[in-house]
Amino acid sequence: MKIIDKVKQIEKYICENFEEWDLEDPVEEYLDDYHEISGASETEIVSFEKKIGITLPNDVKEIYKYKNGSKYLSIFPCIIDEREMPFYLMSLQDIENTKEYFQNKDVLLTELNEYFSKDDINKMKDSRVKPYLFNKRWIPFAEYCDSCFLMFDFDPDNAGKEGQIICYIHDPDEIVYVAKGITELIDKIMTEIN
């Protein structure tokens, strides 16, 4: 099954099961707006990549050519560390705007010793993800509750893979590995909802 067909199945699932995720009824609230969202053009994607300084994986480009963001429709209902977080896809412009104030500098966890103990830092250790709280090469692309973000990691640690997906969770702040890439993330969601 193609990635866009999977996204369409997730859209349908959210519209039918929104209460399970503690969401508003998308049909009543914002489904019409979602249907009006067009995909990004190849020119828009190339311009975005140049501005941000990355090359998006092909499966990610495919999603953005289908929909350049999902507004309020949470097309990535994820369970991360046993927490239900229905993320919506940010538009390319939303990503650019967010990068102006979030993940726009490099800050190691060890630089934040007033917030993180050595035990906290050790609990977050993952050989796939560098020990940062903020990293300029992390690109937020999906948002939940204005404070948690799925991010593409373009600066992975030794056991990681460029373009892998990590999650910034706020309060308490932490970084969690999620998937090797967008296809694996969507496959995990499909497994969860079926």
Protein backbone atom coordinates (compact mmCIF):
# COMPACT_ATOMS: atom_id res chain seq x y z
CA MET A 1 0.00 0.00 0.00
CA LYS A 2 1.32 3.44 -0.92
CA ILE A 3 2.12 5.96 1.80
CA ILE A 4 -0.66 8.37 0.74
CA ASP A 5 -3.22 5.54 0.88
CA LYS A 6 -2.08 4.87 4.44
CA VAL A 7 -2.43 8.57 5.32
CA LYS A 8 -5.97 8.50 3.89
CA GLN A 9 -6.79 5.49 6.08
CA ILE A 10 -5.48 7.36 9.12
CA GLU A 11 -7.61 10.39 8.16
CA LYS A 12 -10.69 8.16 8.04
CA TYR A 13 -9.77 6.52 11.34
CA ILE A 14 -9.42 9.90 13.09
CA CYS A 15 -12.79 11.05 11.74
CA GLU A 16 -14.44 7.89 13.09
CA ASN A 17 -12.49 7.56 16.37
CA PHE A 18 -11.77 11.15 17.41
CA GLU A 19 -13.32 10.63 20.87
CA GLU A 20 -10.77 7.92 21.70
CA TRP A 21 -8.05 10.53 21.19
CA ASP A 22 -9.93 13.24 23.10
CA LEU A 23 -10.29 15.34 19.95
CA GLU A 24 -13.11 17.54 18.70
CA ASP A 25 -15.33 16.08 15.97
CA PRO A 26 -13.36 16.86 12.80
CA VAL A 27 -16.47 16.61 10.60
CA GLU A 28 -18.17 19.36 12.60
CA GLU A 29 -15.10 21.48 13.26
CA TYR A 30 -12.45 21.46 10.55
CA LEU A 31 -12.70 18.64 8.01
CA ASP A 32 -13.86 21.00 5.25
CA ASP A 33 -10.79 23.18 5.84
CA TYR A 34 -8.59 20.08 5.67
CA HIS A 35 -10.04 18.99 2.33
CA GLU A 36 -9.20 22.43 0.90
CA ILE A 37 -5.49 22.09 1.74
CA SER A 38 -3.49 21.45 -1.40
CA GLY A 39 -0.11 19.84 -1.68
CA ALA A 40 3.17 21.70 -1.94
CA SER A 41 4.66 22.07 -5.40
CA GLU A 42 8.11 20.74 -6.26
CA THR A 43 9.30 24.36 -6.41
CA GLU A 44 7.98 25.05 -2.89
CA ILE A 45 9.67 21.92 -1.54
CA VAL A 46 13.02 22.77 -3.17
CA SER A 47 12.81 26.34 -1.86
CA PHE A 48 12.05 25.04 1.65
CA GLU A 49 14.97 22.60 1.52
CA LYS A 50 17.37 25.36 0.47
CA LYS A 51 16.14 27.74 3.16
CA ILE A 52 16.37 25.12 5.94
CA GLY A 53 19.55 23.52 4.56
CA ILE A 54 18.34 19.93 4.31
CA THR A 55 17.08 17.44 1.73
CA LEU A 56 13.79 15.84 2.68
CA PRO A 57 13.48 12.07 2.19
CA ASN A 58 11.34 11.10 -0.82
CA ASP A 59 8.52 9.65 1.31
CA VAL A 60 8.27 12.96 3.19
CA LYS A 61 8.14 14.89 -0.09
CA GLU A 62 5.33 12.59 -1.21
CA ILE A 63 3.27 13.49 1.87
CA TYR A 64 3.88 17.21 1.40
CA LYS A 65 2.88 16.96 -2.27
CA TYR A 66 -0.40 15.43 -1.05
CA LYS A 67 -1.04 17.92 1.79
CA ASN A 68 1.09 20.91 2.78
CA GLY A 69 0.05 20.61 6.41
CA SER A 70 -3.13 19.29 8.01
CA LYS A 71 -4.24 22.35 10.05
CA TYR A 72 -6.17 20.87 12.98
CA LEU A 73 -6.67 17.33 11.67
CA SER A 74 -4.35 15.08 13.66
CA ILE A 75 -3.10 12.74 10.95
CA PHE A 76 -0.33 11.34 13.15
CA PRO A 77 -2.06 9.78 16.19
CA CYS A 78 1.01 8.43 18.00
CA ILE A 79 1.67 6.54 21.19
CA ILE A 80 5.09 7.61 22.44
CA ASP A 81 6.36 6.15 25.70
CA GLU A 82 2.79 5.06 26.50
CA ARG A 83 1.48 8.63 25.98
CA GLU A 84 -1.23 9.26 23.41
CA MET A 85 -0.31 12.27 21.29
CA PRO A 86 -2.31 13.08 18.16
CA PHE A 87 -0.01 15.30 16.09
CA TYR A 88 -1.02 17.43 13.14
CA LEU A 89 1.25 17.93 10.14
CA MET A 90 2.80 21.40 10.01
CA SER A 91 2.91 23.20 6.67
CA LEU A 92 6.31 24.02 5.22
CA GLN A 93 5.70 27.68 6.12
CA ASP A 94 4.77 26.70 9.70
CA ILE A 95 8.06 24.81 9.96
CA GLU A 96 10.02 27.82 8.73
CA ASN A 97 8.21 30.08 11.21
CA THR A 98 8.76 27.65 14.09
CA LYS A 99 12.48 27.31 13.31
CA GLU A 100 12.85 31.05 13.99
CA TYR A 101 12.34 30.43 17.73
CA PHE A 102 12.48 26.65 18.31
CA GLN A 103 15.36 24.27 17.50
CA ASN A 104 17.26 27.30 16.20
CA LYS A 105 20.34 26.79 18.40
CA ASP A 106 22.41 23.91 19.76
CA VAL A 107 22.05 23.24 23.50
CA LEU A 108 23.42 20.07 25.09
CA LEU A 109 21.50 18.54 27.99
CA THR A 110 24.65 18.91 30.12
CA GLU A 111 24.48 22.69 29.60
CA LEU A 112 21.13 22.68 31.41
CA ASN A 113 22.26 21.18 34.71
CA GLU A 114 19.88 23.42 36.65
CA TYR A 115 17.02 21.53 34.92
CA PHE A 116 18.47 18.07 34.34
CA SER A 117 20.29 15.90 36.87
CA LYS A 118 22.88 13.36 35.77
CA ASP A 119 20.23 10.68 36.35
CA ASP A 120 17.78 12.54 34.07
CA ILE A 121 20.41 12.77 31.35
CA ASN A 122 21.34 9.09 31.73
CA LYS A 123 17.67 8.07 31.41
CA MET A 124 17.46 9.96 28.11
CA LYS A 125 20.65 8.44 26.67
CA ASP A 126 20.04 6.79 23.32
CA SER A 127 22.86 5.86 20.95
CA ARG A 128 20.68 6.99 18.01
CA VAL A 129 20.09 10.55 19.28
CA LYS A 130 22.71 13.11 20.27
CA PRO A 131 22.33 14.38 23.87
CA TYR A 132 20.80 17.76 23.03
CA LEU A 133 17.58 19.42 24.07
CA PHE A 134 17.83 21.84 21.14
CA ASN A 135 19.64 21.20 17.86
CA LYS A 136 19.62 23.35 14.71
CA ARG A 137 19.55 20.18 12.58
CA TRP A 138 16.32 18.94 14.18
CA ILE A 139 13.35 19.98 12.05
CA PRO A 140 9.93 20.04 13.74
CA PHE A 141 7.25 18.87 11.28
CA ALA A 142 4.27 17.83 13.42
CA GLU A 143 2.83 19.45 16.53
CA TYR A 144 0.68 18.43 19.49
CA CYS A 145 -0.78 20.89 22.04
CA ASP A 146 1.51 23.75 20.95
CA SER A 147 4.37 22.24 22.94
CA CYS A 148 5.29 18.75 21.72
CA PHE A 149 6.86 18.17 18.31
CA LEU A 150 7.78 15.31 16.04
CA MET A 151 11.07 16.25 14.41
CA PHE A 152 13.29 15.01 11.61
CA ASP A 153 16.78 14.45 12.98
CA PHE A 154 19.42 15.50 10.46
CA ASP A 155 22.20 15.21 13.06
CA PRO A 156 21.85 11.68 14.48
CA ASP A 157 24.25 9.98 16.86
CA ASN A 158 26.38 6.96 15.86
CA ALA A 159 23.60 4.34 15.86
CA GLY A 160 21.06 6.71 14.32
CA LYS A 161 20.04 7.43 10.75
CA GLU A 162 19.77 10.84 9.13
CA GLY A 163 16.09 11.73 8.74
CA GLN A 164 15.01 9.58 11.68
CA ILE A 165 12.08 10.85 13.73
CA ILE A 166 12.43 11.99 17.31
CA CYS A 167 9.98 13.70 19.62
CA TYR A 168 10.41 16.77 21.79
CA ILE A 169 8.09 16.37 24.76
CA HIS A 170 7.50 19.39 26.96
CA ASP A 171 6.97 19.43 30.73
CA PRO A 172 9.07 17.68 31.69
CA ASP A 173 11.28 18.34 28.69
CA GLU A 174 12.77 15.30 27.00
CA ILE A 175 13.78 13.96 23.61
CA VAL A 176 12.54 10.49 22.62
CA TYR A 177 13.41 8.35 19.60
CA VAL A 178 10.28 7.47 17.58
CA ALA A 179 11.07 5.86 14.20
CA LYS A 180 13.67 5.38 11.43
CA GLY A 181 11.63 7.64 9.17
CA ILE A 182 8.15 8.77 8.16
CA THR A 183 7.23 5.46 6.51
CA GLU A 184 8.04 3.53 9.69
CA LEU A 185 6.10 6.09 11.76
CA ILE A 186 3.03 5.68 9.54
CA ASP A 187 3.39 1.89 9.60
CA LYS A 188 3.46 2.00 13.43
CA ILE A 189 0.31 4.14 13.42
CA MET A 190 -1.38 1.73 11.00
CA THR A 191 -0.52 -1.21 13.26
CA GLU A 192 -1.90 0.65 16.28
CA ILE A 193 -5.20 1.63 14.64
CA ASN A 194 -5.92 -1.73 12.97
